[in-house]
Amino acid sequence: MDPDFADAWLDPTTENVGDILDAAIDAAPDVAETLDDHVVSPAVGNVRNDSPDLIEPVE
């Protein structure tokens, strides 16, 4: 999420939450183009596991 949207979203004085949400959703396709997917370890599915290694690709 764009930091400007995040700041407005988290601001308790924000009254136009719907507008902010609409703007964030409109920006989502641009964000999706920057994402990459890959297979990760089955350990990701266990909440007891918490390690940076969990995001490493596996074969």
Protein backbone atom coordinates (compact mmCIF):
# COMPACT_ATOMS: atom_id res chain seq x y z
CA MET A 1 0.00 0.00 0.00
CA ASP A 2 1.22 3.47 -0.83
CA PRO A 3 2.45 5.13 2.38
CA ASP A 4 0.07 8.05 1.81
CA PHE A 5 -2.89 5.65 1.80
CA ALA A 6 -1.57 3.84 4.87
CA ASP A 7 -1.12 7.07 6.82
CA ALA A 8 -4.65 8.20 5.98
CA TRP A 9 -6.11 4.76 6.66
CA LEU A 10 -4.51 4.60 10.12
CA ASP A 11 -5.36 8.19 11.03
CA PRO A 12 -8.23 8.04 13.55
CA THR A 13 -9.48 11.47 12.41
CA THR A 14 -9.99 10.34 8.80
CA GLU A 15 -13.64 10.64 7.83
CA ASN A 16 -13.53 9.58 4.16
CA VAL A 17 -12.39 5.98 4.67
CA GLY A 18 -14.37 4.81 1.65
CA ASP A 19 -12.49 7.19 -0.63
CA ILE A 20 -9.16 6.01 0.74
CA LEU A 21 -10.14 2.37 0.28
CA ASP A 22 -11.30 3.05 -3.29
CA ALA A 23 -7.99 4.76 -4.10
CA ALA A 24 -6.02 1.87 -2.61
CA ILE A 25 -8.02 -0.66 -4.62
CA ASP A 26 -7.49 1.37 -7.79
CA ALA A 27 -3.72 1.25 -7.13
CA ALA A 28 -3.75 -2.52 -6.53
CA PRO A 29 -3.17 -3.60 -10.17
CA ASP A 30 0.06 -1.58 -10.25
CA VAL A 31 1.21 -3.27 -7.05
CA ALA A 32 0.30 -6.72 -8.37
CA GLU A 33 2.67 -6.22 -11.29
CA THR A 34 5.59 -5.89 -8.86
CA LEU A 35 4.85 -9.15 -7.02
CA ASP A 36 6.57 -12.45 -7.71
CA ASP A 37 5.46 -15.90 -6.66
CA HIS A 38 7.41 -19.03 -5.89
CA VAL A 39 7.04 -22.31 -4.03
CA VAL A 40 7.99 -22.17 -0.35
CA SER A 41 8.51 -24.78 2.32
CA PRO A 42 5.46 -26.45 3.89
CA ALA A 43 6.80 -25.03 7.16
CA VAL A 44 5.12 -21.76 6.14
CA GLY A 45 1.77 -23.29 7.05
CA ASN A 46 2.72 -23.88 10.68
CA VAL A 47 2.20 -20.87 12.96
CA ARG A 48 4.98 -22.09 15.28
CA ASN A 49 7.53 -21.36 12.56
CA ASP A 50 8.86 -17.81 12.39
CA SER A 51 12.00 -17.42 10.37
CA PRO A 52 13.20 -15.29 7.47
CA ASP A 53 14.11 -18.58 5.76
CA LEU A 54 10.40 -19.27 5.26
CA ILE A 55 10.25 -16.91 2.28
CA GLU A 56 13.13 -18.56 0.46
CA PRO A 57 12.14 -20.45 -2.71
CA VAL A 58 12.35 -24.25 -2.64
CA GLU A 59 12.57 -26.67 -5.51
